[in-house]
């Protein structure tokens, strides 16, 4: 079974603060409404477009999503 994108993203939380992926992971961690169990790109993308004020650019999500697909 594939782990959720949320669980994958959490592994980046303790990285360098200037890394946009680390900032994204920290933002998601503190976002209690984030779809934590989801592995669906469209669901997460729609959520972030509406609620992801902490995400600097959707391209950061897209790049992280590609890494997620290759690593899990």
PDB file of N, CA and C in Angstrom:
ATOM      1  N   UNK A   1       0.847  -1.203   0.000  1.00  0.00           N
ATOM      2  CA  UNK A   1       0.000   0.000   0.000  1.00  0.00           C
ATOM      3  C   UNK A   1       0.884   1.255   0.000  1.00  0.00           C
ATOM      4  N   UNK A   2       0.517   2.188  -0.825  1.00  0.00           N
ATOM      5  CA  UNK A   2       1.273   3.436  -0.939  1.00  0.00           C
ATOM      6  C   UNK A   2       1.020   4.315   0.284  1.00  0.00           C
ATOM      7  N   UNK A   3       2.078   4.919   0.799  1.00  0.00           N
ATOM      8  CA  UNK A   3       1.872   5.859   1.902  1.00  0.00           C
ATOM      9  C   UNK A   3       1.231   7.129   1.341  1.00  0.00           C
ATOM     10  N   UNK A   4       0.586   7.871   2.196  1.00  0.00           N
ATOM     11  CA  UNK A   4      -0.054   9.100   1.739  1.00  0.00           C
ATOM     12  C   UNK A   4       0.997  10.164   1.413  1.00  0.00           C
ATOM     13  N   UNK A   5       0.604  11.127   0.613  1.00  0.00           N
ATOM     14  CA  UNK A   5       1.498  12.232   0.276  1.00  0.00           C
ATOM     15  C   UNK A   5       1.888  12.990   1.547  1.00  0.00           C
ATOM     16  N   UNK A   6       0.938  13.140   2.448  1.00  0.00           N
ATOM     17  CA  UNK A   6       1.202  13.830   3.724  1.00  0.00           C
ATOM     18  C   UNK A   6       2.342  13.152   4.481  1.00  0.00           C
ATOM     19  N   UNK A   7       2.250  11.828   4.633  1.00  0.00           N
ATOM     20  CA  UNK A   7       3.304  11.099   5.359  1.00  0.00           C
ATOM     21  C   UNK A   7       4.646  11.228   4.645  1.00  0.00           C
ATOM     22  N   UNK A   8       4.629  11.176   3.318  1.00  0.00           N
ATOM     23  CA  UNK A   8       5.859  11.348   2.548  1.00  0.00           C
ATOM     24  C   UNK A   8       6.456  12.733   2.797  1.00  0.00           C
ATOM     25  N   UNK A   9       5.615  13.732   2.754  1.00  0.00           N
ATOM     26  CA  UNK A   9       6.070  15.118   2.879  1.00  0.00           C
ATOM     27  C   UNK A   9       6.671  15.408   4.253  1.00  0.00           C
ATOM     28  N   UNK A  10       6.168  14.757   5.284  1.00  0.00           N
ATOM     29  CA  UNK A  10       6.653  15.026   6.641  1.00  0.00           C
ATOM     30  C   UNK A  10       8.144  14.740   6.812  1.00  0.00           C
ATOM     31  N   UNK A  11       8.700  13.877   5.970  1.00  0.00           N
ATOM     32  CA  UNK A  11      10.128  13.562   6.126  1.00  0.00           C
ATOM     33  C   UNK A  11      11.025  14.758   5.808  1.00  0.00           C
ATOM     34  N   UNK A  12      10.478  15.788   5.192  1.00  0.00           N
ATOM     35  CA  UNK A  12      11.255  16.984   4.838  1.00  0.00           C
ATOM     36  C   UNK A  12      11.202  18.070   5.914  1.00  0.00           C
ATOM     37  N   UNK A  13      10.437  17.864   6.975  1.00  0.00           N
ATOM     38  CA  UNK A  13      10.190  18.928   7.962  1.00  0.00           C
ATOM     39  C   UNK A  13      11.435  19.466   8.651  1.00  0.00           C
ATOM     40  N   UNK A  14      12.415  18.655   8.876  1.00  0.00           N
ATOM     41  CA  UNK A  14      13.563  19.090   9.664  1.00  0.00           C
ATOM     42  C   UNK A  14      14.727  19.594   8.819  1.00  0.00           C
ATOM     43  N   UNK A  15      14.463  19.904   7.571  1.00  0.00           N
ATOM     44  CA  UNK A  15      15.531  20.352   6.687  1.00  0.00           C
ATOM     45  C   UNK A  15      15.847  21.831   6.855  1.00  0.00           C
ATOM     46  N   UNK A  16      16.617  22.336   5.919  1.00  0.00           N
ATOM     47  CA  UNK A  16      17.028  23.743   5.940  1.00  0.00           C
ATOM     48  C   UNK A  16      15.830  24.654   5.675  1.00  0.00           C
ATOM     49  N   UNK A  17      15.668  25.676   6.502  1.00  0.00           N
ATOM     50  CA  UNK A  17      14.497  26.551   6.424  1.00  0.00           C
ATOM     51  C   UNK A  17      14.401  27.299   5.088  1.00  0.00           C
ATOM     52  N   UNK A  18      15.547  27.495   4.403  1.00  0.00           N
ATOM     53  CA  UNK A  18      15.488  28.210   3.124  1.00  0.00           C
ATOM     54  C   UNK A  18      15.002  27.318   1.973  1.00  0.00           C
ATOM     55  N   UNK A  19      14.880  26.015   2.210  1.00  0.00           N
ATOM     56  CA  UNK A  19      14.397  25.078   1.194  1.00  0.00           C
ATOM     57  C   UNK A  19      12.878  25.207   1.080  1.00  0.00           C
ATOM     58  N   UNK A  20      12.356  25.530  -0.117  1.00  0.00           N
ATOM     59  CA  UNK A  20      10.901  25.690  -0.257  1.00  0.00           C
ATOM     60  C   UNK A  20      10.115  24.414   0.055  1.00  0.00           C
ATOM     61  N   UNK A  21      10.709  23.248  -0.173  1.00  0.00           N
ATOM     62  CA  UNK A  21      10.020  21.990   0.145  1.00  0.00           C
ATOM     63  C   UNK A  21       9.900  21.832   1.660  1.00  0.00           C
ATOM     64  N   UNK A  22      10.920  22.240   2.391  1.00  0.00           N
ATOM     65  CA  UNK A  22      10.868  22.194   3.857  1.00  0.00           C
ATOM     66  C   UNK A  22       9.779  23.136   4.359  1.00  0.00           C
ATOM     67  N   UNK A  23       9.699  24.325   3.791  1.00  0.00           N
ATOM     68  CA  UNK A  23       8.642  25.270   4.199  1.00  0.00           C
ATOM     69  C   UNK A  23       7.255  24.714   3.857  1.00  0.00           C
ATOM     70  N   UNK A  24       7.142  24.061   2.701  1.00  0.00           N
ATOM     71  CA  UNK A  24       5.892  23.424   2.300  1.00  0.00           C
ATOM     72  C   UNK A  24       5.520  22.326   3.311  1.00  0.00           C
ATOM     73  N   UNK A  25       6.477  21.479   3.651  1.00  0.00           N
ATOM     74  CA  UNK A  25       6.225  20.385   4.602  1.00  0.00           C
ATOM     75  C   UNK A  25       5.810  20.936   5.963  1.00  0.00           C
ATOM     76  N   UNK A  26       6.473  21.979   6.416  1.00  0.00           N
ATOM     77  CA  UNK A  26       6.115  22.581   7.701  1.00  0.00           C
ATOM     78  C   UNK A  26       4.714  23.173   7.647  1.00  0.00           C
ATOM     79  N   UNK A  27       4.368  23.826   6.544  1.00  0.00           N
ATOM     80  CA  UNK A  27       3.034  24.392   6.387  1.00  0.00           C
ATOM     81  C   UNK A  27       1.956  23.329   6.416  1.00  0.00           C
ATOM     82  N   UNK A  28       2.194  22.227   5.706  1.00  0.00           N
ATOM     83  CA  UNK A  28       1.234  21.124   5.680  1.00  0.00           C
ATOM     84  C   UNK A  28       1.085  20.523   7.075  1.00  0.00           C
ATOM     85  N   UNK A  29       2.182  20.397   7.785  1.00  0.00           N
ATOM     86  CA  UNK A  29       2.148  19.823   9.141  1.00  0.00           C
ATOM     87  C   UNK A  29       1.221  20.624  10.056  1.00  0.00           C
ATOM     88  N   UNK A  30       1.251  21.937   9.928  1.00  0.00           N
ATOM     89  CA  UNK A  30       0.422  22.791  10.790  1.00  0.00           C
ATOM     90  C   UNK A  30      -0.982  23.029  10.236  1.00  0.00           C
ATOM     91  N   UNK A  31      -1.258  22.517   9.032  1.00  0.00           N
ATOM     92  CA  UNK A  31      -2.576  22.660   8.408  1.00  0.00           C
ATOM     93  C   UNK A  31      -3.427  21.451   8.791  1.00  0.00           C
ATOM     94  N   UNK A  32      -4.264  21.613   9.799  1.00  0.00           N
ATOM     95  CA  UNK A  32      -5.016  20.488  10.337  1.00  0.00           C
ATOM     96  C   UNK A  32      -6.135  20.014   9.412  1.00  0.00           C
ATOM     97  N   UNK A  33      -6.433  20.766   8.354  1.00  0.00           N
ATOM     98  CA  UNK A  33      -7.477  20.357   7.411  1.00  0.00           C
ATOM     99  C   UNK A  33      -6.908  19.670   6.167  1.00  0.00           C
ATOM    100  N   UNK A  34      -5.582  19.621   6.043  1.00  0.00           N
ATOM    101  CA  UNK A  34      -4.958  18.994   4.876  1.00  0.00           C
ATOM    102  C   UNK A  34      -5.435  17.546   4.747  1.00  0.00           C
ATOM    103  N   UNK A  35      -5.724  17.090   3.512  1.00  0.00           N
ATOM    104  CA  UNK A  35      -6.195  15.704   3.321  1.00  0.00           C
ATOM    105  C   UNK A  35      -5.069  14.688   3.575  1.00  0.00           C
ATOM    106  N   UNK A  36      -4.880  14.349   4.829  1.00  0.00           N
ATOM    107  CA  UNK A  36      -3.718  13.574   5.269  1.00  0.00           C
ATOM    108  C   UNK A  36      -3.658  12.161   4.703  1.00  0.00           C
ATOM    109  N   UNK A  37      -4.790  11.559   4.395  1.00  0.00           N
ATOM    110  CA  UNK A  37      -4.797  10.172   3.920  1.00  0.00           C
ATOM    111  C   UNK A  37      -4.732  10.065   2.395  1.00  0.00           C
ATOM    112  N   UNK A  38      -4.775  11.181   1.707  1.00  0.00           N
ATOM    113  CA  UNK A  38      -4.917  11.159   0.253  1.00  0.00           C
ATOM    114  C   UNK A  38      -3.634  10.788  -0.487  1.00  0.00           C
ATOM    115  N   UNK A  39      -3.833  10.060  -1.585  1.00  0.00           N
ATOM    116  CA  UNK A  39      -2.765   9.809  -2.552  1.00  0.00           C
ATOM    117  C   UNK A  39      -3.218  10.294  -3.934  1.00  0.00           C
ATOM    118  N   UNK A  40      -4.233  11.156  -3.951  1.00  0.00           N
ATOM    119  CA  UNK A  40      -4.838  11.624  -5.197  1.00  0.00           C
ATOM    120  C   UNK A  40      -4.335  13.033  -5.546  1.00  0.00           C
ATOM    121  N   UNK A  41      -3.656  13.134  -6.678  1.00  0.00           N
ATOM    122  CA  UNK A  41      -3.077  14.405  -7.104  1.00  0.00           C
ATOM    123  C   UNK A  41      -4.133  15.503  -7.196  1.00  0.00           C
ATOM    124  N   UNK A  42      -5.249  15.198  -7.861  1.00  0.00           N
ATOM    125  CA  UNK A  42      -6.275  16.221  -8.081  1.00  0.00           C
ATOM    126  C   UNK A  42      -6.878  16.723  -6.775  1.00  0.00           C
ATOM    127  N   UNK A  43      -7.145  15.812  -5.846  1.00  0.00           N
ATOM    128  CA  UNK A  43      -7.713  16.207  -4.559  1.00  0.00           C
ATOM    129  C   UNK A  43      -6.757  17.136  -3.803  1.00  0.00           C
ATOM    130  N   UNK A  44      -5.485  16.752  -3.745  1.00  0.00           N
ATOM    131  CA  UNK A  44      -4.503  17.555  -3.012  1.00  0.00           C
ATOM    132  C   UNK A  44      -4.255  18.882  -3.720  1.00  0.00           C
ATOM    133  N   UNK A  45      -4.162  18.851  -5.037  1.00  0.00           N
ATOM    134  CA  UNK A  45      -3.930  20.071  -5.807  1.00  0.00           C
ATOM    135  C   UNK A  45      -5.067  21.075  -5.609  1.00  0.00           C
ATOM    136  N   UNK A  46      -6.301  20.596  -5.699  1.00  0.00           N
ATOM    137  CA  UNK A  46      -7.464  21.477  -5.483  1.00  0.00           C
ATOM    138  C   UNK A  46      -7.444  22.050  -4.072  1.00  0.00           C
ATOM    139  N   UNK A  47      -7.141  21.204  -3.103  1.00  0.00           N
ATOM    140  CA  UNK A  47      -7.087  21.670  -1.716  1.00  0.00           C
ATOM    141  C   UNK A  47      -6.062  22.785  -1.565  1.00  0.00           C
ATOM    142  N   UNK A  48      -4.862  22.573  -2.103  1.00  0.00           N
ATOM    143  CA  UNK A  48      -3.793  23.562  -1.956  1.00  0.00           C
ATOM    144  C   UNK A  48      -4.120  24.869  -2.677  1.00  0.00           C
ATOM    145  N   UNK A  49      -4.776  24.767  -3.829  1.00  0.00           N
ATOM    146  CA  UNK A  49      -5.148  25.992  -4.554  1.00  0.00           C
ATOM    147  C   UNK A  49      -6.124  26.839  -3.743  1.00  0.00           C
ATOM    148  N   UNK A  50      -6.975  26.188  -2.955  1.00  0.00           N
ATOM    149  CA  UNK A  50      -7.971  26.911  -2.164  1.00  0.00           C
ATOM    150  C   UNK A  50      -7.472  27.294  -0.765  1.00  0.00           C
ATOM    151  N   UNK A  51      -6.576  26.469  -0.203  1.00  0.00           N
ATOM    152  CA  UNK A  51      -6.221  26.619   1.209  1.00  0.00           C
ATOM    153  C   UNK A  51      -4.724  26.713   1.496  1.00  0.00           C
ATOM    154  N   UNK A  52      -3.894  26.537   0.498  1.00  0.00           N
ATOM    155  CA  UNK A  52      -2.458  26.448   0.732  1.00  0.00           C
ATOM    156  C   UNK A  52      -1.739  27.782   0.730  1.00  0.00           C
ATOM    157  N   UNK A  53      -2.168  28.690   1.595  1.00  0.00           N
ATOM    158  CA  UNK A  53      -1.535  30.015   1.672  1.00  0.00           C
ATOM    159  C   UNK A  53      -0.041  29.914   1.982  1.00  0.00           C
ATOM    160  N   UNK A  54       0.363  28.849   2.646  1.00  0.00           N
ATOM    161  CA  UNK A  54       1.757  28.638   3.034  1.00  0.00           C
ATOM    162  C   UNK A  54       2.614  28.127   1.872  1.00  0.00           C
ATOM    163  N   UNK A  55       1.980  27.726   0.769  1.00  0.00           N
ATOM    164  CA  UNK A  55       2.712  27.198  -0.383  1.00  0.00           C
ATOM    165  C   UNK A  55       3.088  28.353  -1.304  1.00  0.00           C
ATOM    166  N   UNK A  56       4.386  28.558  -1.496  1.00  0.00           N
ATOM    167  CA  UNK A  56       4.870  29.700  -2.272  1.00  0.00           C
ATOM    168  C   UNK A  56       4.470  29.613  -3.745  1.00  0.00           C
ATOM    169  N   UNK A  57       4.444  28.402  -4.286  1.00  0.00           N
ATOM    170  CA  UNK A  57       4.127  28.218  -5.703  1.00  0.00           C
ATOM    171  C   UNK A  57       3.617  26.795  -5.901  1.00  0.00           C
ATOM    172  N   UNK A  58       2.626  26.620  -6.773  1.00  0.00           N
ATOM    173  CA  UNK A  58       2.128  25.274  -7.056  1.00  0.00           C
ATOM    174  C   UNK A  58       3.205  24.424  -7.720  1.00  0.00           C
ATOM    175  N   UNK A  59       4.202  25.053  -8.337  1.00  0.00           N
ATOM    176  CA  UNK A  59       5.277  24.265  -8.946  1.00  0.00           C
ATOM    177  C   UNK A  59       6.057  23.491  -7.881  1.00  0.00           C
ATOM    178  N   UNK A  60       6.124  24.018  -6.666  1.00  0.00           N
ATOM    179  CA  UNK A  60       6.780  23.290  -5.573  1.00  0.00           C
ATOM    180  C   UNK A  60       5.998  22.009  -5.272  1.00  0.00           C
ATOM    181  N   UNK A  61       4.681  22.121  -5.240  1.00  0.00           N
ATOM    182  CA  UNK A  61       3.852  20.929  -5.053  1.00  0.00           C
ATOM    183  C   UNK A  61       4.076  19.947  -6.190  1.00  0.00           C
ATOM    184  N   UNK A  62       4.053  20.424  -7.436  1.00  0.00           N
ATOM    185  CA  UNK A  62       4.208  19.529  -8.589  1.00  0.00           C
ATOM    186  C   UNK A  62       5.543  18.792  -8.551  1.00  0.00           C
ATOM    187  N   UNK A  63       6.613  19.504  -8.240  1.00  0.00           N
ATOM    188  CA  UNK A  63       7.936  18.869  -8.172  1.00  0.00           C
ATOM    189  C   UNK A  63       7.994  17.853  -7.039  1.00  0.00           C
ATOM    190  N   UNK A  64       7.409  18.199  -5.902  1.00  0.00           N
ATOM    191  CA  UNK A  64       7.412  17.275  -4.763  1.00  0.00           C
ATOM    192  C   UNK A  64       6.550  16.064  -5.067  1.00  0.00           C
ATOM    193  N   UNK A  65       5.436  16.272  -5.776  1.00  0.00           N
ATOM    194  CA  UNK A  65       4.562  15.162  -6.167  1.00  0.00           C
ATOM    195  C   UNK A  65       5.321  14.188  -7.066  1.00  0.00           C
ATOM    196  N   UNK A  66       6.101  14.694  -8.011  1.00  0.00           N
ATOM    197  CA  UNK A  66       6.888  13.820  -8.901  1.00  0.00           C
ATOM    198  C   UNK A  66       7.882  13.001  -8.083  1.00  0.00           C
ATOM    199  N   UNK A  67       8.540  13.612  -7.114  1.00  0.00           N
ATOM    200  CA  UNK A  67       9.476  12.886  -6.253  1.00  0.00           C
ATOM    201  C   UNK A  67       8.724  11.808  -5.476  1.00  0.00           C
ATOM    202  N   UNK A  68       7.543  12.154  -4.971  1.00  0.00           N
ATOM    203  CA  UNK A  68       6.698  11.212  -4.245  1.00  0.00           C
ATOM    204  C   UNK A  68       6.398   9.972  -5.102  1.00  0.00           C
ATOM    205  N   UNK A  69       6.001  10.200  -6.353  1.00  0.00           N
ATOM    206  CA  UNK A  69       5.654   9.087  -7.232  1.00  0.00           C
ATOM    207  C   UNK A  69       6.856   8.187  -7.501  1.00  0.00           C
ATOM    208  N   UNK A  70       8.030   8.773  -7.629  1.00  0.00           N
ATOM    209  CA  UNK A  70       9.227   7.976  -7.921  1.00  0.00           C
ATOM    210  C   UNK A  70       9.752   7.237  -6.703  1.00  0.00           C
ATOM    211  N   UNK A  71       9.520   7.777  -5.522  1.00  0.00           N
ATOM    212  CA  UNK A  71      10.121   7.208  -4.311  1.00  0.00           C
ATOM    213  C   UNK A  71       9.222   6.233  -3.569  1.00  0.00           C
ATOM    214  N   UNK A  72       7.911   6.280  -3.813  1.00  0.00           N
ATOM    215  CA  UNK A  72       7.035   5.366  -3.065  1.00  0.00           C
ATOM    216  C   UNK A  72       6.360   4.340  -3.942  1.00  0.00           C
TER     217      UNK A  72
END
